[in-house]
N, C-alpha and C. Protein backbone atom coordinates (compact mmCIF):
# COMPACT_ATOMS: atom_id res chain seq x y z
N MET A 1 -12.54 18.36 -18.06
CA MET A 1 -13.60 17.09 -17.07
C MET A 1 -14.05 17.20 -15.61
N GLY A 2 -15.40 17.40 -15.69
CA GLY A 2 -15.87 16.91 -14.14
C GLY A 2 -15.57 16.13 -13.13
N ALA A 3 -15.51 16.13 -11.95
CA ALA A 3 -14.81 15.05 -11.05
C ALA A 3 -16.02 13.56 -10.72
N MET A 4 -15.31 12.62 -11.26
CA MET A 4 -15.72 11.21 -11.30
C MET A 4 -15.96 10.72 -10.04
N PRO A 5 -17.24 10.15 -9.89
CA PRO A 5 -17.45 9.32 -9.03
C PRO A 5 -16.78 8.05 -8.72
N THR A 6 -16.15 8.04 -7.91
CA THR A 6 -15.11 6.66 -7.82
C THR A 6 -15.74 5.39 -7.19
N ALA A 7 -15.48 4.03 -8.02
CA ALA A 7 -16.31 3.06 -7.19
C ALA A 7 -15.31 2.33 -6.28
N THR A 8 -13.95 3.12 -5.82
CA THR A 8 -13.00 2.78 -5.09
C THR A 8 -12.66 3.48 -3.96
N THR A 9 -12.83 2.89 -2.64
CA THR A 9 -12.26 3.62 -1.56
C THR A 9 -10.58 3.80 -1.78
N SER A 10 -9.57 3.34 -2.52
CA SER A 10 -8.31 3.09 -2.07
C SER A 10 -7.86 4.48 -3.83
N THR A 11 -7.25 5.00 -2.36
CA THR A 11 -6.36 5.95 -3.71
C THR A 11 -4.96 6.16 -3.69
N PRO A 12 -4.49 6.95 -4.86
CA PRO A 12 -3.01 6.37 -4.60
C PRO A 12 -2.58 7.34 -3.00
N SER A 13 -2.76 8.39 -2.47
CA SER A 13 -1.78 8.67 -1.79
C SER A 13 -1.95 8.02 -0.16
N ARG A 14 -3.41 7.21 -0.73
CA ARG A 14 -3.18 6.07 0.59
C ARG A 14 -2.15 4.94 0.75
N MET A 15 -2.43 4.50 -0.27
CA MET A 15 -1.39 4.01 -0.95
C MET A 15 0.09 4.28 -0.55
N ILE A 16 -0.14 5.72 -1.02
CA ILE A 16 1.61 5.37 -0.77
C ILE A 16 2.01 5.69 0.99
N HIS A 17 0.83 6.53 1.46
CA HIS A 17 0.93 6.06 2.74
C HIS A 17 1.24 5.12 3.23
N CYS A 18 0.72 4.22 3.03
CA CYS A 18 0.37 2.51 3.40
C CYS A 18 1.79 2.21 3.44
N THR A 19 2.33 2.18 2.02
CA THR A 19 4.02 1.70 1.68
C THR A 19 5.05 2.38 2.76
N THR A 20 4.85 3.64 2.60
CA THR A 20 5.32 4.48 3.89
C THR A 20 5.71 3.45 5.09
N SER A 21 4.37 3.68 5.56
CA SER A 21 4.32 2.84 6.70
C SER A 21 4.39 1.36 6.83
N ILE A 22 4.52 0.91 6.02
CA ILE A 22 4.62 -0.63 5.81
C ILE A 22 6.12 -1.04 5.81
N ALA A 23 7.25 0.03 4.89
CA ALA A 23 8.35 -0.11 5.20
C ALA A 23 9.29 0.68 6.67
N THR A 24 8.14 1.40 7.31
CA THR A 24 9.10 2.20 8.91
C THR A 24 8.35 0.78 9.93
N SER A 25 7.63 0.49 9.48
CA SER A 25 6.65 -0.75 10.41
C SER A 25 7.87 -1.82 10.65
N THR A 26 8.46 -2.06 9.10
CA THR A 26 9.39 -3.39 8.91
C THR A 26 10.89 -3.44 9.47
N ALA A 27 11.09 -1.76 9.21
CA ALA A 27 12.61 -1.25 10.00
C ALA A 27 12.57 -0.99 11.30
N MET A 28 11.08 -0.73 12.09
CA MET A 28 11.34 -0.80 13.29
C MET A 28 11.13 -2.50 13.88
N SER A 29 10.42 -3.23 13.44
CA SER A 29 10.41 -4.87 13.65
C SER A 29 12.01 -5.32 13.32
N ARG A 30 12.80 -5.32 12.29
CA ARG A 30 14.27 -5.45 12.69
C ARG A 30 14.67 -5.10 13.79
N GLU A 31 14.30 -3.60 14.36
CA GLU A 31 15.33 -3.38 15.14
C GLU A 31 15.06 -3.52 16.32
N LEU A 32 13.77 -3.82 17.02
CA LEU A 32 12.92 -4.76 18.12
C LEU A 32 13.56 -5.87 17.88
N GLU A 33 13.67 -6.51 17.13
CA GLU A 33 14.60 -7.84 16.76
C GLU A 33 15.89 -8.09 17.48
N ARG A 34 16.35 -6.93 16.51
CA ARG A 34 17.75 -6.92 17.38
C ARG A 34 17.96 -6.85 18.59
N GLN A 35 17.23 -5.75 19.22
CA GLN A 35 17.10 -5.67 20.99
C GLN A 35 17.03 -6.82 21.58
N GLN A 36 15.99 -6.94 20.52
CA GLN A 36 15.93 -8.40 21.98
C GLN A 36 17.06 -9.58 21.45
N ALA A 37 17.59 -9.32 20.30
CA ALA A 37 18.81 -10.92 20.57
C ALA A 37 20.29 -10.59 20.82
N ASN A 38 19.90 -8.81 21.62
CA ASN A 38 21.29 -8.63 22.33
C ASN A 38 20.36 -9.22 23.83
N ILE A 39 19.39 -8.42 24.63
CA ILE A 39 19.28 -9.31 25.29
C ILE A 39 19.44 -10.56 25.85
N VAL A 40 19.25 -11.51 24.50
CA VAL A 40 19.45 -12.86 25.32
C VAL A 40 20.85 -13.00 24.84
N LYS A 41 21.99 -12.41 23.99
CA LYS A 41 22.52 -12.32 24.31
C LYS A 41 23.71 -12.09 25.30
N GLU A 42 22.95 -10.69 26.20
CA GLU A 42 23.91 -10.18 27.58
C GLU A 42 23.10 -11.25 29.13
N LEU A 43 21.81 -12.08 28.82
CA LEU A 43 21.29 -12.68 29.33
C LEU A 43 22.58 -14.31 29.29
N ARG A 44 23.20 -14.54 28.56
CA ARG A 44 23.42 -15.78 28.04
C ARG A 44 25.43 -15.72 29.02
N GLU A 45 25.61 -14.48 28.49
CA GLU A 45 26.91 -14.31 28.84
C GLU A 45 27.09 -13.67 30.38
N LEU A 46 25.87 -13.30 30.84
CA LEU A 46 25.98 -12.88 32.20
C LEU A 46 26.87 -13.52 33.46
N GLN A 47 27.95 -12.75 34.08
CA GLN A 47 28.74 -13.88 35.19
C GLN A 47 28.72 -12.95 36.43
N SER A 48 28.78 -13.89 36.83
CA SER A 48 28.40 -13.61 38.22
C SER A 48 28.86 -12.54 38.86
N THR A 49 28.58 -11.61 39.82
CA THR A 49 29.01 -10.59 40.29
C THR A 49 29.39 -10.64 41.97
N GLY A 50 29.20 -11.91 42.50
CA GLY A 50 28.92 -12.48 43.80
C GLY A 50 28.21 -12.14 44.45
N ASP A 51 27.05 -11.19 44.02
CA ASP A 51 25.93 -11.07 45.20
C ASP A 51 25.03 -11.52 44.71
N GLU A 52 24.44 -12.10 44.69
CA GLU A 52 23.66 -12.94 44.90
C GLU A 52 21.83 -12.30 44.63
N ASP A 53 21.80 -11.40 45.53
CA ASP A 53 20.50 -10.70 45.03
C ASP A 53 21.22 -9.59 43.90
N LEU A 54 22.37 -8.97 43.60
CA LEU A 54 22.08 -7.81 42.66
C LEU A 54 22.30 -9.01 41.03
N ASP A 55 22.92 -10.26 40.92
CA ASP A 55 22.55 -10.70 39.81
C ASP A 55 20.77 -11.20 39.75
N ARG A 56 19.79 -11.45 40.39
CA ARG A 56 18.43 -11.25 40.64
C ARG A 56 18.37 -10.52 40.06
N GLN A 57 18.20 -9.51 40.70
CA GLN A 57 17.62 -8.09 39.87
C GLN A 57 18.08 -8.10 38.54
N TRP A 58 19.61 -7.93 38.11
CA TRP A 58 19.89 -7.77 37.01
C TRP A 58 19.58 -8.45 35.95
N ARG A 59 19.45 -10.07 36.25
CA ARG A 59 18.65 -11.43 34.98
C ARG A 59 16.96 -10.68 35.67
N GLY A 60 16.64 -10.18 36.47
CA GLY A 60 15.02 -9.90 36.79
C GLY A 60 15.15 -8.74 35.61
N GLN A 61 15.71 -7.70 35.38
CA GLN A 61 15.61 -6.69 34.75
C GLN A 61 15.78 -7.10 33.03
N LEU A 62 16.69 -7.56 32.79
CA LEU A 62 16.86 -8.27 31.55
C LEU A 62 15.70 -8.86 30.82
N ARG A 63 14.81 -9.90 31.68
CA ARG A 63 13.84 -10.36 31.43
C ARG A 63 12.50 -9.44 31.20
N ASP A 64 12.55 -8.17 32.44
CA ASP A 64 11.57 -7.41 31.62
C ASP A 64 11.82 -6.55 30.60
N SER A 65 12.77 -6.38 30.18
CA SER A 65 13.15 -5.56 28.89
C SER A 65 13.19 -6.36 28.04
N PHE A 66 13.55 -7.71 27.61
CA PHE A 66 13.04 -8.55 26.63
C PHE A 66 11.76 -8.83 26.64
N SER A 67 10.57 -8.64 27.60
CA SER A 67 9.42 -9.02 27.80
C SER A 67 8.73 -7.70 27.65
N GLU A 68 9.03 -6.17 27.21
CA GLU A 68 9.14 -4.63 26.84
C GLU A 68 8.86 -4.70 25.16
N VAL A 69 10.34 -5.86 24.61
CA VAL A 69 10.40 -5.49 23.05
C VAL A 69 9.62 -6.35 23.18
N ALA A 70 9.05 -7.80 23.56
CA ALA A 70 8.46 -8.14 22.61
C ALA A 70 7.25 -7.69 22.50
N ASP A 71 6.38 -7.08 23.56
CA ASP A 71 5.15 -6.87 23.46
C ASP A 71 5.56 -5.47 22.24
N GLN A 72 6.26 -5.03 22.47
CA GLN A 72 6.28 -3.52 21.39
C GLN A 72 5.90 -4.77 20.03
N ARG A 73 6.40 -5.53 20.02
CA ARG A 73 6.96 -6.44 18.58
C ARG A 73 5.72 -6.87 18.36
N LYS A 74 4.77 -7.29 19.27
CA LYS A 74 3.90 -7.63 18.70
C LYS A 74 2.80 -6.65 18.52
N ALA A 75 2.89 -5.74 19.44
CA ALA A 75 1.56 -4.31 18.94
C ALA A 75 2.26 -4.16 17.52
N LEU A 76 3.21 -4.18 17.11
CA LEU A 76 4.14 -3.32 15.38
C LEU A 76 3.82 -4.50 14.64
N GLN A 77 4.12 -6.40 15.11
CA GLN A 77 3.11 -7.03 14.24
C GLN A 77 1.38 -6.68 13.47
N THR A 78 0.76 -6.63 14.75
CA THR A 78 -0.73 -6.52 14.87
C THR A 78 -0.38 -5.34 14.01
N GLN A 79 -0.05 -3.89 13.90
CA GLN A 79 -0.23 -2.50 13.26
C GLN A 79 0.13 -3.20 11.51
N LEU A 80 1.52 -3.96 11.58
CA LEU A 80 1.90 -3.98 9.97
C LEU A 80 0.53 -4.82 9.53
N ALA A 81 -0.06 -5.37 10.25
CA ALA A 81 -1.28 -7.15 9.32
C ALA A 81 -2.25 -5.78 9.16
N ASP A 82 -2.61 -5.34 9.64
CA ASP A 82 -3.48 -4.52 9.53
C ASP A 82 -3.81 -2.90 8.28
N ILE A 83 -2.14 -3.03 8.18
CA ILE A 83 -1.73 -1.60 7.10
C ILE A 83 -1.87 -2.78 6.03
N THR A 84 -1.38 -3.63 6.10
CA THR A 84 -0.93 -4.56 4.79
C THR A 84 -2.58 -5.31 4.31
N LYS A 85 -4.06 -5.14 5.23
CA LYS A 85 -5.32 -5.25 5.16
C LYS A 85 -5.14 -4.54 3.47
N MET A 86 -5.46 -5.10 2.57
CA MET A 86 -6.30 -4.25 1.38
C MET A 86 -7.66 -3.84 1.31
N PRO A 87 -7.57 -2.37 1.39
CA PRO A 87 -9.10 -2.47 1.46
C PRO A 87 -10.16 -3.26 0.31
N GLU A 88 -10.70 -3.31 0.47
CA GLU A 88 -11.71 -4.22 -0.91
C GLU A 88 -12.75 -3.76 -1.27
N ALA A 89 -12.99 -3.45 -2.56
CA ALA A 89 -13.32 -2.22 -3.75
C ALA A 89 -15.10 -2.22 -2.81
N THR A 90 -14.95 -1.33 -2.85
CA THR A 90 -16.45 -1.22 -2.88
C THR A 90 -17.23 -0.95 -4.23
N PRO A 91 -18.34 -1.79 -4.96
CA PRO A 91 -18.77 -1.44 -6.08
C PRO A 91 -19.90 -0.80 -5.74
N ALA A 92 -19.46 0.24 -7.24
CA ALA A 92 -20.63 0.94 -7.06
C ALA A 92 -21.95 0.61 -7.17
N THR A 93 -23.12 0.95 -5.94
CA THR A 93 -24.11 0.55 -5.76
C THR A 93 -25.48 1.00 -6.79
N ASN A 94 -24.93 2.27 -7.11
CA ASN A 94 -25.59 3.04 -7.72
C ASN A 94 -26.04 2.53 -9.54
N PRO A 95 -26.49 2.18 -10.20
CA PRO A 95 -26.79 1.74 -11.35
C PRO A 95 -26.67 3.00 -12.15
N ARG A 96 -27.40 4.09 -11.95
CA ARG A 96 -27.66 5.90 -12.48
C ARG A 96 -26.14 6.50 -12.38
N LEU A 97 -25.20 5.97 -11.91
CA LEU A 97 -24.16 6.41 -12.08
C LEU A 97 -23.03 5.79 -13.97
N LEU A 98 -24.30 4.78 -14.27
CA LEU A 98 -23.26 4.61 -15.77
C LEU A 98 -24.54 6.11 -16.35
N ASP A 99 -25.49 6.63 -15.96
CA ASP A 99 -26.30 7.17 -17.11
C ASP A 99 -25.23 8.97 -17.38
N ARG A 100 -24.39 9.18 -15.86
CA ARG A 100 -23.76 9.92 -16.08
C ARG A 100 -22.53 10.01 -16.73
N LEU A 101 -21.86 8.72 -17.14
CA LEU A 101 -20.93 8.90 -18.12
C LEU A 101 -21.63 9.50 -19.34
N PRO A 102 -20.60 10.14 -20.21
CA PRO A 102 -20.60 10.71 -21.83
C PRO A 102 -20.86 9.77 -22.63
N VAL A 103 -21.72 9.97 -23.65
CA VAL A 103 -22.41 9.30 -24.71
C VAL A 103 -21.44 10.01 -25.79
N ILE A 104 -20.73 9.46 -26.57
CA ILE A 104 -20.33 9.97 -27.70
C ILE A 104 -20.18 8.95 -29.33
N ASP A 105 -19.89 10.20 -30.02
CA ASP A 105 -19.78 8.89 -31.85
C ASP A 105 -18.94 10.07 -31.77
N THR A 106 -17.64 9.29 -32.12
CA THR A 106 -16.26 9.57 -32.65
C THR A 106 -15.59 8.31 -32.99
N ASP A 107 -14.87 8.82 -34.35
CA ASP A 107 -13.79 7.52 -34.78
C ASP A 107 -12.27 8.00 -33.98
N PHE A 108 -12.07 6.87 -32.97
CA PHE A 108 -11.22 6.71 -32.51
C PHE A 108 -10.25 6.71 -33.07
N ASP A 109 -10.00 5.99 -34.29
CA ASP A 109 -8.86 5.77 -34.99
C ASP A 109 -8.65 7.18 -35.77
N ARG A 110 -8.95 8.52 -35.79
CA ARG A 110 -8.35 9.91 -36.07
C ARG A 110 -8.42 10.70 -35.50
N LEU A 111 -7.92 10.54 -33.91
CA LEU A 111 -7.95 11.09 -32.75
C LEU A 111 -6.41 11.06 -33.07
N SER A 112 -5.73 12.29 -32.37
CA SER A 112 -4.74 12.64 -32.63
C SER A 112 -4.20 11.38 -31.19
N GLU A 113 -2.13 11.09 -31.21
CA GLU A 113 -1.42 10.13 -29.99
C GLU A 113 -1.84 11.10 -29.03
N GLU A 114 -1.84 12.88 -28.30
CA GLU A 114 -2.28 12.81 -27.37
C GLU A 114 -3.34 12.71 -26.94
N LEU A 115 -4.52 12.90 -27.75
CA LEU A 115 -5.70 12.91 -27.24
C LEU A 115 -5.89 11.52 -27.15
N GLU A 116 -5.66 10.58 -27.44
CA GLU A 116 -5.81 8.77 -27.47
C GLU A 116 -5.11 8.70 -26.13
N ARG A 117 -4.16 9.35 -25.56
CA ARG A 117 -3.63 8.84 -23.97
C ARG A 117 -3.92 10.16 -22.63
N GLU A 118 -4.90 10.71 -23.49
CA GLU A 118 -5.72 10.81 -21.68
C GLU A 118 -6.47 10.20 -21.46
N PRO A 119 -7.21 9.45 -21.93
CA PRO A 119 -8.61 8.60 -21.06
C PRO A 119 -7.15 7.56 -20.36
N PHE A 120 -6.26 7.07 -20.86
CA PHE A 120 -5.62 5.91 -20.51
C PHE A 120 -4.51 6.90 -19.06
N SER A 121 -4.77 8.14 -19.02
CA SER A 121 -4.04 8.55 -17.72
C SER A 121 -4.76 8.82 -16.64
N VAL A 122 -5.69 9.05 -17.31
CA VAL A 122 -7.56 9.83 -16.68
C VAL A 122 -7.63 8.10 -15.95
N PHE A 123 -7.60 7.52 -16.01
CA PHE A 123 -8.33 5.99 -15.53
C PHE A 123 -7.07 5.30 -14.86
N GLN A 124 -6.05 5.39 -15.26
CA GLN A 124 -4.73 4.69 -15.29
C GLN A 124 -4.72 3.66 -15.52
N LEU A 125 -5.19 3.74 -17.19
CA LEU A 125 -5.28 2.15 -17.59
C LEU A 125 -3.68 1.59 -18.65
N GLN A 126 -3.82 0.92 -18.70
CA GLN A 126 -2.28 0.38 -19.42
C GLN A 126 -2.50 -0.80 -19.99
N VAL A 127 -1.66 -0.70 -21.18
CA VAL A 127 -2.10 -1.88 -22.74
C VAL A 127 -0.69 -2.73 -22.54
N ARG A 128 -0.81 -3.68 -22.57
CA ARG A 128 0.36 -4.52 -22.37
C ARG A 128 0.58 -5.70 -23.27
N TYR A 129 1.17 -5.98 -24.01
CA TYR A 129 1.74 -7.03 -25.41
C TYR A 129 2.38 -7.35 -24.93
N HIS A 130 2.52 -8.65 -25.23
CA HIS A 130 3.22 -9.66 -25.26
C HIS A 130 3.85 -9.84 -26.59
N GLN A 131 5.30 -10.01 -27.22
CA GLN A 131 5.61 -10.55 -28.43
C GLN A 131 6.28 -11.86 -28.12
N PRO A 132 6.00 -12.87 -28.96
CA PRO A 132 6.01 -14.07 -28.45
C PRO A 132 7.69 -14.04 -29.00
N THR A 133 8.43 -15.00 -28.48
CA THR A 133 9.68 -14.54 -29.20
C THR A 133 9.60 -15.30 -30.58
N PRO A 134 10.05 -15.10 -31.53
CA PRO A 134 10.12 -16.23 -32.76
C PRO A 134 11.26 -17.38 -32.41
N THR A 135 10.50 -17.85 -33.72
CA THR A 135 11.54 -19.57 -32.98
C THR A 135 12.50 -19.40 -34.31
N ARG A 136 13.73 -20.02 -34.55
CA ARG A 136 14.50 -20.08 -35.31
C ARG A 136 14.57 -21.25 -36.36
N HIS A 137 14.75 -22.15 -36.92
CA HIS A 137 15.00 -23.39 -37.55
C HIS A 137 16.18 -23.44 -37.86
N ALA A 138 16.96 -23.78 -38.50
CA ALA A 138 18.18 -24.25 -39.24
C ALA A 138 18.09 -24.80 -40.65
N PRO A 139 17.81 -24.12 -41.74
CA PRO A 139 17.59 -24.58 -42.53
C PRO A 139 18.16 -25.88 -43.71
N ARG A 140 17.00 -26.10 -43.55
CA ARG A 140 16.94 -28.10 -44.25
C ARG A 140 18.54 -28.59 -45.02
N ASP A 141 18.96 -29.02 -45.05
CA ASP A 141 19.96 -29.78 -46.34
C ASP A 141 18.92 -31.12 -47.10
N HIS A 142 18.68 -30.68 -47.99
CA HIS A 142 17.90 -31.82 -48.84
C HIS A 142 18.89 -32.74 -49.11
N ARG A 143 20.40 -32.65 -48.95
CA ARG A 143 21.37 -33.33 -49.88
C ARG A 143 21.74 -34.18 -48.46
N ARG A 144 21.76 -35.42 -48.91
CA ARG A 144 22.99 -36.42 -47.95
C ARG A 144 24.43 -36.15 -48.22
N ARG A 145 24.81 -36.50 -47.18
CA ARG A 145 25.76 -36.20 -46.87
C ARG A 145 27.21 -37.18 -47.63
N GLY A 146 26.50 -38.33 -48.17
CA GLY A 146 27.04 -38.94 -49.29
C GLY A 146 26.71 -39.04 -50.53
N ASP A 147 25.79 -37.89 -50.81
CA ASP A 147 25.61 -37.65 -52.26
C ASP A 147 26.56 -36.49 -52.62
N LEU A 148 27.32 -36.11 -51.53
CA LEU A 148 28.12 -35.06 -52.19
C LEU A 148 29.21 -34.87 -53.06
């Protein structure tokens, strides 16, 4: 079977890469959130050293650290939003692509199971069958209790 023209730009390897990037970015975002919480905790629990200049400098460094982490989180969230945007399927605009499909005269009922499975595998098709749950009714007793 030759190479088939694709109708979309999404590939399985790109989807795996996106999934990995999403998981990594999410983990990094949680870590940055934890760092921010630690900085806030440190600032709240800050005890004076007795030297006002030193205390001011320490609070300033904590604020700067918090700001850096916040910027990193914001950039990461933007990156995560870009990753999670699914590329829209680009429809094939060339109707002559249909002419490239093979025309066959085959009775599919006589194909072996292996040959039947091949198109499903190649085109990643799935057949889903939902069998309704059978309803059971209690047998009707036509006799009345008083007739026994």
